Every structure is written in C-alpha cells, then in structure tokens.
Amino acid sequence: MNNNSISGNGTTMARKDRFCLKRFLRYLSFEVTDTVSSQGLAILITGLAPVILFSLYCLFSLTVNQGYESMYWENVSDIHTYAASICITLPFYMIFPIVRYGMITGWRKGAAYLQMPASEAEKLLSAVLISLLIVPAIFIVLYFGSDWIIHMVFPDRIRTSFIDITTGHRLFEIVEIDGYQAVSANNPTMLFLPFTLAAAGLAGAVMFKRNKIFLTIMTSLAILAIFMWITIGLLDGVDEAAWTDFISNNGLGWSWTGIQTVFTIICCTYFYWRISRIQL
C-alpha cells in the first residue's frame, strides 16, 4: 500500500490517535480503491462464476448423446444450484479477508500497513466494512444476479436459481425419517452467515504467519466440532416436546444467528487486538 495517497501533507500520524471521521472516510476511500485495484478482478470473476460454469456446461453438452441430453441437464441443474454454489460462495467469504489483510503479518507490507496515517480503530472499522459488508454485498449481487439471469433465460436448462433456495425458507425444521423426528438444515447454503465466515477469515489473516487459508479453515472446523460436541451434550436431557416447539417456532434459527453474531464480534475484537500489538 502507498500511504502517500491518503496522508494529506505526508505527516506520519500516531497509530493510537483518536477516531477522526474525516480521516477515516479518506482512509476507507483509499482502501476501497486499493481493493478494486488489487482484488477487483478476482471478485468479478468469482461473482460471475455461474456464467462461466454454464458456458462449460454447454460446451460439455456437445459431447452428450442426444438421447441423454435431458438427463444431463437435470444433473447439471442440481450440481449448479447446490454443490457448485456452496463450494464457491462459502469459501469466498472466508478467503477474501485473508487475501486482503494477510500481508499484515509480513515484515515489509506489514510495516507499510502499520505506518498508514489512520488510527487502529479506523483501520479496524475499514477492514470490517470492506470484508464483512462491502465486498460480500458486491459478490452476492454479482453471483445471485448472474445465476438468476441464467435461470430466467434458460429455464429448461437451469431449473431453479440460487435465490430460490436461499430465500423464503426457515434455516432449521423438524423432519420425520423412518418414524423418527430429526432436525434438518432446510437451507444449508445459508447455514453459515457471510459476515461470520468473513470475520473468521479476518481473524485468520492475523493469527497465522503461513498457510493462512488452510489453517483458518481447519481451525474454524475444529471450533465448530467442539461447539457441536458441547451443544449435543447440553441438549441430551432436554424435553423432546419443548425442543420440537423451540425449533418449530424458529427459535433454533434465531439462536444460531445470535451465536454466529457473537463469534463475529470475537473475531473482529481479536483482529483489533492483533493489529494493536504488532510491532514494527
């Protein structure tokens, strides 16, 4: 990063200055511009993944026997809507902050970041806005929009859009399987909220020095496994009727959203703590 572009008169400011709105807006504007310059193309390509995938589907369809074409597009539609979308959207939210802010722990780029003329609170708020709100919002518009356009233009090829499976449904519901009631994630694509995954990536960007993406994903999975193990143990003696009512009234969905929100705050707090302790 080039701190001269936002430094005004070029004077280096103390890292622990109080929050200044005017300086923050100038710094945020620089961060947004630098994000577009550095990661803009990757965001655009990933956001237009439905178009790219559909083009590949059409290319491969040329090799399919005409008698199996209907079966081919039926399988493609399911893969495109569920598997491909989950494998693209969820990792994107977590990986982007690591790519954007992983350089903080580096010697040269980290020093340049710490010398930027903005307070730690301004850097935190800027990183949170870009990683948790601005970039995910742009990505969602691109991905959902391009996927919806393909569905509308080629409804006989892509039978449903990603918007259809992520809206208008409760996150959890009770289903009956072989006479037993079980909890089903009715909307697995939204099981993990974008801002929560982004916050985990933001924490991972400053937690590890190497293999940041891999270690962040593994750490997140370990935390999730421990949390699920503890939760199952705590719920073991809960009254079944009360538990069913709790899920039916969307209590589990709201609780899970609350838990993710708390985790997001913890990750952002850790990010702030780390950048305040990094020494040049």
C-alpha atoms as a PDB file:
ATOM      1  CA  MET A   1       0.000   0.000   0.000  1.00  0.00           C
ATOM      2  CA  ASN A   2       1.121   3.555  -0.685  1.00  0.00           C
ATOM      3  CA  ASN A   3       0.350   5.726   2.333  1.00  0.00           C
ATOM      4  CA  ASN A   4       1.243   8.937   0.496  1.00  0.00           C
ATOM      5  CA  SER A   5      -2.059   8.813  -1.382  1.00  0.00           C
ATOM      6  CA  ILE A   6      -4.044   9.421   1.800  1.00  0.00           C
ATOM      7  CA  SER A   7      -1.604  11.181   4.074  1.00  0.00           C
ATOM      8  CA  GLY A   8      -2.592  14.711   3.097  1.00  0.00           C
ATOM      9  CA  ASN A   9       0.596  16.655   3.925  1.00  0.00           C
ATOM     10  CA  GLY A  10       2.579  13.436   4.292  1.00  0.00           C
ATOM     11  CA  THR A  11       2.929  13.719   8.059  1.00  0.00           C
ATOM     12  CA  THR A  12       3.030  10.354   9.797  1.00  0.00           C
ATOM     13  CA  MET A  13       0.331  10.069  12.459  1.00  0.00           C
ATOM     14  CA  ALA A  14       0.494   8.144  15.669  1.00  0.00           C
ATOM     15  CA  ARG A  15      -1.161   4.742  15.448  1.00  0.00           C
ATOM     16  CA  LYS A  16      -3.167   5.314  18.605  1.00  0.00           C
ATOM     17  CA  ASP A  17      -4.799   8.596  17.575  1.00  0.00           C
ATOM     18  CA  ARG A  18      -8.418   9.071  18.417  1.00  0.00           C
ATOM     19  CA  PHE A  19     -11.032   8.214  15.827  1.00  0.00           C
ATOM     20  CA  CYS A  20     -11.416  11.010  13.267  1.00  0.00           C
ATOM     21  CA  LEU A  21     -14.376  10.716  10.874  1.00  0.00           C
ATOM     22  CA  LYS A  22     -12.844  12.825   8.115  1.00  0.00           C
ATOM     23  CA  ARG A  23      -9.575  10.892   8.208  1.00  0.00           C
ATOM     24  CA  PHE A  24     -11.471   7.603   8.386  1.00  0.00           C
ATOM     25  CA  LEU A  25     -13.536   8.408   5.287  1.00  0.00           C
ATOM     26  CA  ARG A  26     -10.360   9.324   3.426  1.00  0.00           C
ATOM     27  CA  TYR A  27      -8.714   6.097   4.558  1.00  0.00           C
ATOM     28  CA  LEU A  28     -11.781   3.989   3.693  1.00  0.00           C
ATOM     29  CA  SER A  29     -11.896   5.557   0.236  1.00  0.00           C
ATOM     30  CA  PHE A  30      -8.263   4.606  -0.265  1.00  0.00           C
ATOM     31  CA  GLU A  31      -8.906   1.059   0.984  1.00  0.00           C
ATOM     32  CA  VAL A  32     -11.850   0.608  -1.378  1.00  0.00           C
ATOM     33  CA  THR A  33      -9.831   1.906  -4.323  1.00  0.00           C
ATOM     34  CA  ASP A  34      -6.894  -0.331  -3.450  1.00  0.00           C
ATOM     35  CA  THR A  35      -9.216  -3.334  -3.075  1.00  0.00           C
ATOM     36  CA  VAL A  36     -10.663  -2.726  -6.535  1.00  0.00           C
ATOM     37  CA  SER A  37      -7.163  -2.414  -7.956  1.00  0.00           C
ATOM     38  CA  SER A  38      -5.715  -5.459  -6.184  1.00  0.00           C
ATOM     39  CA  GLN A  39      -8.619  -7.899  -5.808  1.00  0.00           C
ATOM     40  CA  GLY A  40     -11.307  -6.417  -8.076  1.00  0.00           C
ATOM     41  CA  LEU A  41     -10.740  -8.789 -10.987  1.00  0.00           C
ATOM     42  CA  ALA A  42     -10.806 -11.868  -8.727  1.00  0.00           C
ATOM     43  CA  ILE A  43     -14.063 -10.657  -7.122  1.00  0.00           C
ATOM     44  CA  LEU A  44     -15.604 -10.067 -10.555  1.00  0.00           C
ATOM     45  CA  ILE A  45     -14.597 -13.480 -11.926  1.00  0.00           C
ATOM     46  CA  THR A  46     -15.796 -15.303  -8.808  1.00  0.00           C
ATOM     47  CA  GLY A  47     -19.047 -13.359  -8.784  1.00  0.00           C
ATOM     48  CA  LEU A  48     -19.695 -14.282 -12.408  1.00  0.00           C
ATOM     49  CA  ALA A  49     -18.914 -17.950 -11.755  1.00  0.00           C
ATOM     50  CA  PRO A  50     -22.486 -19.037 -12.704  1.00  0.00           C
ATOM     51  CA  VAL A  51     -21.961 -17.637 -16.209  1.00  0.00           C
ATOM     52  CA  ILE A  52     -18.564 -19.309 -16.528  1.00  0.00           C
ATOM     53  CA  LEU A  53     -19.897 -22.642 -15.256  1.00  0.00           C
ATOM     54  CA  PHE A  54     -22.925 -22.503 -17.523  1.00  0.00           C
ATOM     55  CA  SER A  55     -20.655 -21.904 -20.518  1.00  0.00           C
ATOM     56  CA  LEU A  56     -18.682 -25.011 -19.558  1.00  0.00           C
ATOM     57  CA  TYR A  57     -21.910 -26.994 -19.156  1.00  0.00           C
ATOM     58  CA  CYS A  58     -22.943 -26.001 -22.676  1.00  0.00           C
ATOM     59  CA  LEU A  59     -19.533 -26.972 -24.010  1.00  0.00           C
ATOM     60  CA  PHE A  60     -19.641 -30.403 -22.379  1.00  0.00           C
ATOM     61  CA  SER A  61     -23.248 -30.929 -23.541  1.00  0.00           C
ATOM     62  CA  LEU A  62     -21.949 -31.119 -27.096  1.00  0.00           C
ATOM     63  CA  THR A  63     -20.317 -34.439 -26.216  1.00  0.00           C
ATOM     64  CA  VAL A  64     -23.510 -35.944 -24.740  1.00  0.00           C
ATOM     65  CA  ASN A  65     -25.620 -38.343 -26.767  1.00  0.00           C
ATOM     66  CA  GLN A  66     -28.880 -36.685 -27.776  1.00  0.00           C
ATOM     67  CA  GLY A  67     -30.923 -39.354 -26.009  1.00  0.00           C
ATOM     68  CA  TYR A  68     -29.278 -38.494 -22.678  1.00  0.00           C
ATOM     69  CA  GLU A  69     -29.350 -34.714 -23.036  1.00  0.00           C
ATOM     70  CA  SER A  70     -32.376 -34.284 -20.769  1.00  0.00           C
ATOM     71  CA  MET A  71     -30.741 -36.379 -18.023  1.00  0.00           C
ATOM     72  CA  TYR A  72     -27.507 -34.430 -18.442  1.00  0.00           C
ATOM     73  CA  TRP A  73     -29.154 -31.048 -17.881  1.00  0.00           C
ATOM     74  CA  GLU A  74     -31.179 -32.398 -14.972  1.00  0.00           C
ATOM     75  CA  ASN A  75     -27.989 -33.444 -13.189  1.00  0.00           C
ATOM     76  CA  VAL A  76     -26.226 -30.225 -14.173  1.00  0.00           C
ATOM     77  CA  SER A  77     -29.063 -28.133 -12.729  1.00  0.00           C
ATOM     78  CA  ASP A  78     -28.801 -29.825  -9.321  1.00  0.00           C
ATOM     79  CA  ILE A  79     -24.997 -29.571  -9.247  1.00  0.00           C
ATOM     80  CA  HIS A  80     -25.043 -25.946 -10.407  1.00  0.00           C
ATOM     81  CA  THR A  81     -27.643 -24.811  -7.884  1.00  0.00           C
ATOM     82  CA  TYR A  82     -26.405 -26.657  -4.807  1.00  0.00           C
ATOM     83  CA  ALA A  83     -22.917 -28.156  -4.908  1.00  0.00           C
ATOM     84  CA  ALA A  84     -21.195 -25.575  -7.100  1.00  0.00           C
ATOM     85  CA  SER A  85     -22.813 -22.640  -5.305  1.00  0.00           C
ATOM     86  CA  ILE A  86     -21.837 -23.903  -1.851  1.00  0.00           C
ATOM     87  CA  CYS A  87     -18.272 -24.665  -2.954  1.00  0.00           C
ATOM     88  CA  ILE A  88     -17.879 -21.163  -4.405  1.00  0.00           C
ATOM     89  CA  THR A  89     -19.822 -18.810  -2.130  1.00  0.00           C
ATOM     90  CA  LEU A  90     -18.890 -20.080   1.338  1.00  0.00           C
ATOM     91  CA  PRO A  91     -15.102 -20.270   0.766  1.00  0.00           C
ATOM     92  CA  PHE A  92     -15.117 -16.853  -0.915  1.00  0.00           C
ATOM     93  CA  TYR A  93     -16.408 -15.069   2.177  1.00  0.00           C
ATOM     94  CA  MET A  94     -13.644 -16.554   4.335  1.00  0.00           C
ATOM     95  CA  ILE A  95     -10.760 -16.427   1.879  1.00  0.00           C
ATOM     96  CA  PHE A  96     -11.144 -12.822   0.714  1.00  0.00           C
ATOM     97  CA  PRO A  97     -10.164 -11.199   4.064  1.00  0.00           C
ATOM     98  CA  ILE A  98      -7.119 -13.459   4.247  1.00  0.00           C
ATOM     99  CA  VAL A  99      -6.016 -12.432   0.771  1.00  0.00           C
ATOM    100  CA  ARG A 100      -6.701  -8.783   1.515  1.00  0.00           C
ATOM    101  CA  TYR A 101      -5.220  -8.469   5.010  1.00  0.00           C
ATOM    102  CA  GLY A 102      -2.919 -11.470   5.328  1.00  0.00           C
ATOM    103  CA  MET A 103       0.037  -9.221   4.490  1.00  0.00           C
ATOM    104  CA  ILE A 104      -0.259  -7.531   7.898  1.00  0.00           C
ATOM    105  CA  THR A 105       1.925 -10.220   9.490  1.00  0.00           C
ATOM    106  CA  GLY A 106       4.574  -9.804   6.808  1.00  0.00           C
ATOM    107  CA  TRP A 107       7.645  -7.694   7.529  1.00  0.00           C
ATOM    108  CA  ARG A 108       7.674  -5.244   4.618  1.00  0.00           C
ATOM    109  CA  LYS A 109       3.958  -4.973   3.774  1.00  0.00           C
ATOM    110  CA  GLY A 110       3.016  -5.256   7.428  1.00  0.00           C
ATOM    111  CA  ALA A 111       5.246  -2.318   8.282  1.00  0.00           C
ATOM    112  CA  ALA A 112       3.686  -0.292   5.481  1.00  0.00           C
ATOM    113  CA  TYR A 113       0.204  -1.102   6.796  1.00  0.00           C
ATOM    114  CA  LEU A 114       1.045  -0.132  10.364  1.00  0.00           C
ATOM    115  CA  GLN A 115       2.521   3.176   9.185  1.00  0.00           C
ATOM    116  CA  MET A 116      -0.655   4.131   7.343  1.00  0.00           C
ATOM    117  CA  PRO A 117      -1.959   7.511   8.587  1.00  0.00           C
ATOM    118  CA  ALA A 118      -5.013   6.137  10.395  1.00  0.00           C
ATOM    119  CA  SER A 119      -5.747   5.067  13.945  1.00  0.00           C
ATOM    120  CA  GLU A 120      -6.189   1.419  14.886  1.00  0.00           C
ATOM    121  CA  ALA A 121      -9.934   1.950  15.359  1.00  0.00           C
ATOM    122  CA  GLU A 122     -10.171   3.428  11.850  1.00  0.00           C
ATOM    123  CA  LYS A 123      -8.238   0.507  10.388  1.00  0.00           C
ATOM    124  CA  LEU A 124     -10.481  -1.947  12.219  1.00  0.00           C
ATOM    125  CA  LEU A 125     -13.702  -0.307  11.035  1.00  0.00           C
ATOM    126  CA  SER A 126     -12.399  -0.067   7.489  1.00  0.00           C
ATOM    127  CA  ALA A 127     -11.386  -3.742   7.445  1.00  0.00           C
ATOM    128  CA  VAL A 128     -14.762  -4.769   8.903  1.00  0.00           C
ATOM    129  CA  LEU A 129     -16.738  -2.715   6.389  1.00  0.00           C
ATOM    130  CA  ILE A 130     -14.760  -3.988   3.415  1.00  0.00           C
ATOM    131  CA  SER A 131     -14.510  -7.643   4.490  1.00  0.00           C
ATOM    132  CA  LEU A 132     -17.888  -8.150   6.155  1.00  0.00           C
ATOM    133  CA  LEU A 133     -20.171  -5.774   4.263  1.00  0.00           C
ATOM    134  CA  ILE A 134     -18.966  -4.084   1.075  1.00  0.00           C
ATOM    135  CA  VAL A 135     -17.220  -6.930  -0.753  1.00  0.00           C
ATOM    136  CA  PRO A 136     -19.725  -9.654   0.309  1.00  0.00           C
ATOM    137  CA  ALA A 137     -22.597  -7.391  -0.808  1.00  0.00           C
ATOM    138  CA  ILE A 138     -20.987  -6.813  -4.209  1.00  0.00           C
ATOM    139  CA  PHE A 139     -20.219 -10.514  -4.554  1.00  0.00           C
ATOM    140  CA  ILE A 140     -23.800 -11.501  -3.641  1.00  0.00           C
ATOM    141  CA  VAL A 141     -25.241  -9.085  -6.207  1.00  0.00           C
ATOM    142  CA  LEU A 142     -22.916 -10.443  -8.903  1.00  0.00           C
ATOM    143  CA  TYR A 143     -23.361 -14.134  -8.066  1.00  0.00           C
ATOM    144  CA  PHE A 144     -27.085 -14.140  -7.314  1.00  0.00           C
ATOM    145  CA  GLY A 145     -27.793 -11.773 -10.197  1.00  0.00           C
ATOM    146  CA  SER A 146     -25.883 -13.702 -12.858  1.00  0.00           C
ATOM    147  CA  ASP A 147     -27.306 -17.007 -11.592  1.00  0.00           C
ATOM    148  CA  TRP A 148     -30.860 -15.611 -11.697  1.00  0.00           C
ATOM    149  CA  ILE A 149     -30.382 -14.274 -15.251  1.00  0.00           C
ATOM    150  CA  ILE A 150     -29.193 -17.689 -16.459  1.00  0.00           C
ATOM    151  CA  HIS A 151     -32.208 -19.331 -14.832  1.00  0.00           C
ATOM    152  CA  MET A 152     -34.622 -16.859 -16.435  1.00  0.00           C
ATOM    153  CA  VAL A 153     -33.048 -17.085 -19.905  1.00  0.00           C
ATOM    154  CA  PHE A 154     -32.548 -20.868 -19.853  1.00  0.00           C
ATOM    155  CA  PRO A 155     -35.265 -22.259 -17.510  1.00  0.00           C
ATOM    156  CA  ASP A 156     -35.224 -25.611 -19.295  1.00  0.00           C
ATOM    157  CA  ARG A 157     -31.513 -25.966 -18.556  1.00  0.00           C
ATOM    158  CA  ILE A 158     -31.150 -24.488 -15.044  1.00  0.00           C
ATOM    159  CA  ARG A 159     -34.443 -25.307 -13.320  1.00  0.00           C
ATOM    160  CA  THR A 160     -34.017 -23.159 -10.214  1.00  0.00           C
ATOM    161  CA  SER A 161     -31.882 -20.219  -9.164  1.00  0.00           C
ATOM    162  CA  PHE A 162     -29.693 -19.781  -6.097  1.00  0.00           C
ATOM    163  CA  ILE A 163     -32.092 -17.087  -4.894  1.00  0.00           C
ATOM    164  CA  ASP A 164     -34.941 -19.625  -4.838  1.00  0.00           C
ATOM    165  CA  ILE A 165     -33.130 -21.969  -2.460  1.00  0.00           C
ATOM    166  CA  THR A 166     -31.770 -19.279  -0.118  1.00  0.00           C
ATOM    167  CA  THR A 167     -34.889 -17.183   0.459  1.00  0.00           C
ATOM    168  CA  GLY A 168     -38.322 -17.891   1.872  1.00  0.00           C
ATOM    169  CA  HIS A 169     -37.218 -20.927   3.918  1.00  0.00           C
ATOM    170  CA  ARG A 170     -36.524 -21.458   7.585  1.00  0.00           C
ATOM    171  CA  LEU A 171     -32.991 -22.452   8.392  1.00  0.00           C
ATOM    172  CA  PHE A 172     -33.974 -25.479  10.522  1.00  0.00           C
ATOM    173  CA  GLU A 173     -37.051 -27.670  10.585  1.00  0.00           C
ATOM    174  CA  ILE A 174     -38.268 -30.956  12.028  1.00  0.00           C
ATOM    175  CA  VAL A 175     -38.461 -33.854   9.563  1.00  0.00           C
ATOM    176  CA  GLU A 176     -39.570 -37.419  10.067  1.00  0.00           C
ATOM    177  CA  ILE A 177     -37.243 -40.178   8.905  1.00  0.00           C
ATOM    178  CA  ASP A 178     -38.358 -43.801   9.310  1.00  0.00           C
ATOM    179  CA  GLY A 179     -40.730 -42.832  12.090  1.00  0.00           C
ATOM    180  CA  TYR A 180     -38.144 -40.752  13.974  1.00  0.00           C
ATOM    181  CA  GLN A 181     -38.044 -36.976  14.200  1.00  0.00           C
ATOM    182  CA  ALA A 182     -34.804 -35.262  13.287  1.00  0.00           C
ATOM    183  CA  VAL A 183     -33.520 -31.727  12.827  1.00  0.00           C
ATOM    184  CA  SER A 184     -32.853 -30.841   9.209  1.00  0.00           C
ATOM    185  CA  ALA A 185     -30.893 -27.885   7.881  1.00  0.00           C
ATOM    186  CA  ASN A 186     -33.545 -26.747   5.431  1.00  0.00           C
ATOM    187  CA  ASN A 187     -31.254 -24.150   3.915  1.00  0.00           C
ATOM    188  CA  PRO A 188     -27.666 -25.466   4.060  1.00  0.00           C
ATOM    189  CA  THR A 189     -26.343 -22.749   1.759  1.00  0.00           C
ATOM    190  CA  MET A 190     -27.099 -20.157   4.456  1.00  0.00           C
ATOM    191  CA  LEU A 191     -26.112 -22.267   7.449  1.00  0.00           C
ATOM    192  CA  PHE A 192     -23.081 -20.031   7.905  1.00  0.00           C
ATOM    193  CA  LEU A 193     -23.681 -16.324   7.530  1.00  0.00           C
ATOM    194  CA  PRO A 194     -21.423 -14.403   5.117  1.00  0.00           C
ATOM    195  CA  PHE A 195     -20.279 -11.894   7.727  1.00  0.00           C
ATOM    196  CA  THR A 196     -19.391 -14.698  10.162  1.00  0.00           C
ATOM    197  CA  LEU A 197     -17.228 -16.507   7.612  1.00  0.00           C
ATOM    198  CA  ALA A 198     -15.621 -13.187   6.677  1.00  0.00           C
ATOM    199  CA  ALA A 199     -14.887 -12.415  10.330  1.00  0.00           C
ATOM    200  CA  ALA A 200     -13.223 -15.818  10.727  1.00  0.00           C
ATOM    201  CA  GLY A 201     -11.083 -15.037   7.698  1.00  0.00           C
ATOM    202  CA  LEU A 202     -10.196 -11.627   9.120  1.00  0.00           C
ATOM    203  CA  ALA A 203      -9.031 -13.230  12.369  1.00  0.00           C
ATOM    204  CA  GLY A 204      -7.120 -15.918  10.494  1.00  0.00           C
ATOM    205  CA  ALA A 205      -5.345 -13.272   8.417  1.00  0.00           C
ATOM    206  CA  VAL A 206      -3.507 -12.005  11.504  1.00  0.00           C
ATOM    207  CA  MET A 207      -3.454 -15.222  13.556  1.00  0.00           C
ATOM    208  CA  PHE A 208      -1.160 -17.261  11.321  1.00  0.00           C
ATOM    209  CA  LYS A 209       2.039 -16.336   9.518  1.00  0.00           C
ATOM    210  CA  ARG A 210       1.987 -19.095   6.892  1.00  0.00           C
ATOM    211  CA  ASN A 211      -0.615 -21.344   5.256  1.00  0.00           C
ATOM    212  CA  LYS A 212      -3.237 -18.871   6.411  1.00  0.00           C
ATOM    213  CA  ILE A 213      -6.144 -20.174   4.316  1.00  0.00           C
ATOM    214  CA  PHE A 214      -5.607 -23.823   5.231  1.00  0.00           C
ATOM    215  CA  LEU A 215      -5.034 -23.148   8.921  1.00  0.00           C
ATOM    216  CA  THR A 216      -8.008 -20.790   9.153  1.00  0.00           C
ATOM    217  CA  ILE A 217     -10.342 -23.366   7.609  1.00  0.00           C
ATOM    218  CA  MET A 218      -9.004 -26.156   9.818  1.00  0.00           C
ATOM    219  CA  THR A 219      -9.243 -24.008  12.958  1.00  0.00           C
ATOM    220  CA  SER A 220     -12.804 -22.996  12.103  1.00  0.00           C
ATOM    221  CA  LEU A 221     -13.803 -26.618  11.557  1.00  0.00           C
ATOM    222  CA  ALA A 222     -12.194 -27.600  14.876  1.00  0.00           C
ATOM    223  CA  ILE A 223     -14.079 -24.837  16.718  1.00  0.00           C
ATOM    224  CA  LEU A 224     -17.320 -25.926  15.051  1.00  0.00           C
ATOM    225  CA  ALA A 225     -16.728 -29.570  16.002  1.00  0.00           C
ATOM    226  CA  ILE A 226     -16.020 -28.663  19.638  1.00  0.00           C
ATOM    227  CA  PHE A 227     -19.075 -26.419  19.759  1.00  0.00           C
ATOM    228  CA  MET A 228     -21.321 -29.140  18.314  1.00  0.00           C
ATOM    229  CA  TRP A 229     -19.941 -31.715  20.773  1.00  0.00           C
ATOM    230  CA  ILE A 230     -20.639 -29.422  23.738  1.00  0.00           C
ATOM    231  CA  THR A 231     -24.096 -28.494  22.414  1.00  0.00           C
ATOM    232  CA  ILE A 232     -25.136 -32.104  21.908  1.00  0.00           C
ATOM    233  CA  GLY A 233     -24.045 -32.892  25.468  1.00  0.00           C
ATOM    234  CA  LEU A 234     -26.031 -29.966  26.891  1.00  0.00           C
ATOM    235  CA  LEU A 235     -29.167 -30.860  24.928  1.00  0.00           C
ATOM    236  CA  ASP A 236     -29.074 -34.536  25.807  1.00  0.00           C
ATOM    237  CA  GLY A 237     -31.561 -34.176  28.662  1.00  0.00           C
ATOM    238  CA  VAL A 238     -33.846 -31.545  27.102  1.00  0.00           C
ATOM    239  CA  ASP A 239     -37.553 -32.397  26.893  1.00  0.00           C
ATOM    240  CA  GLU A 240     -38.311 -33.598  23.366  1.00  0.00           C
ATOM    241  CA  ALA A 241     -41.651 -31.787  23.091  1.00  0.00           C
ATOM    242  CA  ALA A 242     -40.150 -28.496  24.247  1.00  0.00           C
ATOM    243  CA  TRP A 243     -37.236 -28.936  21.836  1.00  0.00           C
ATOM    244  CA  THR A 244     -39.637 -29.605  18.945  1.00  0.00           C
ATOM    245  CA  ASP A 245     -41.654 -26.481  19.749  1.00  0.00           C
ATOM    246  CA  PHE A 246     -38.456 -24.458  20.013  1.00  0.00           C
ATOM    247  CA  ILE A 247     -37.390 -25.497  16.510  1.00  0.00           C
ATOM    248  CA  SER A 248     -40.884 -25.153  15.041  1.00  0.00           C
ATOM    249  CA  ASN A 249     -41.066 -21.553  16.288  1.00  0.00           C
ATOM    250  CA  ASN A 250     -37.720 -20.820  14.611  1.00  0.00           C
ATOM    251  CA  GLY A 251     -36.010 -20.490  17.966  1.00  0.00           C
ATOM    252  CA  LEU A 252     -33.078 -22.603  16.822  1.00  0.00           C
ATOM    253  CA  GLY A 253     -32.606 -20.474  13.731  1.00  0.00           C
ATOM    254  CA  TRP A 254     -32.529 -17.237  15.718  1.00  0.00           C
ATOM    255  CA  SER A 255     -30.238 -18.788  18.341  1.00  0.00           C
ATOM    256  CA  TRP A 256     -27.797 -19.952  15.682  1.00  0.00           C
ATOM    257  CA  THR A 257     -27.803 -16.469  14.155  1.00  0.00           C
ATOM    258  CA  GLY A 258     -27.088 -14.987  17.597  1.00  0.00           C
ATOM    259  CA  ILE A 259     -24.227 -17.396  18.209  1.00  0.00           C
ATOM    260  CA  GLN A 260     -22.667 -16.524  14.857  1.00  0.00           C
ATOM    261  CA  THR A 261     -23.025 -12.830  15.636  1.00  0.00           C
ATOM    262  CA  VAL A 262     -21.169 -13.292  18.944  1.00  0.00           C
ATOM    263  CA  PHE A 263     -18.448 -15.269  17.142  1.00  0.00           C
ATOM    264  CA  THR A 264     -18.175 -12.446  14.595  1.00  0.00           C
ATOM    265  CA  ILE A 265     -17.652  -9.885  17.357  1.00  0.00           C
ATOM    266  CA  ILE A 266     -14.987 -12.085  18.966  1.00  0.00           C
ATOM    267  CA  CYS A 267     -13.111 -12.436  15.661  1.00  0.00           C
ATOM    268  CA  CYS A 268     -13.222  -8.692  14.981  1.00  0.00           C
ATOM    269  CA  THR A 269     -12.067  -7.968  18.519  1.00  0.00           C
ATOM    270  CA  TYR A 270      -9.150 -10.374  18.036  1.00  0.00           C
ATOM    271  CA  PHE A 271      -8.232  -8.641  14.767  1.00  0.00           C
ATOM    272  CA  TYR A 272      -8.155  -5.283  16.549  1.00  0.00           C
ATOM    273  CA  TRP A 273      -6.095  -6.733  19.408  1.00  0.00           C
ATOM    274  CA  ARG A 274      -3.572  -8.217  17.000  1.00  0.00           C
ATOM    275  CA  ILE A 275      -3.014  -5.065  14.928  1.00  0.00           C
ATOM    276  CA  SER A 276      -2.596  -3.081  18.142  1.00  0.00           C
ATOM    277  CA  ARG A 277       0.132  -5.428  19.360  1.00  0.00           C
ATOM    278  CA  ILE A 278       2.099  -5.922  16.145  1.00  0.00           C
ATOM    279  CA  GLN A 279       5.464  -4.184  16.417  1.00  0.00           C
ATOM    280  CA  LEU A 280       7.375  -2.746  13.505  1.00  0.00           C
END
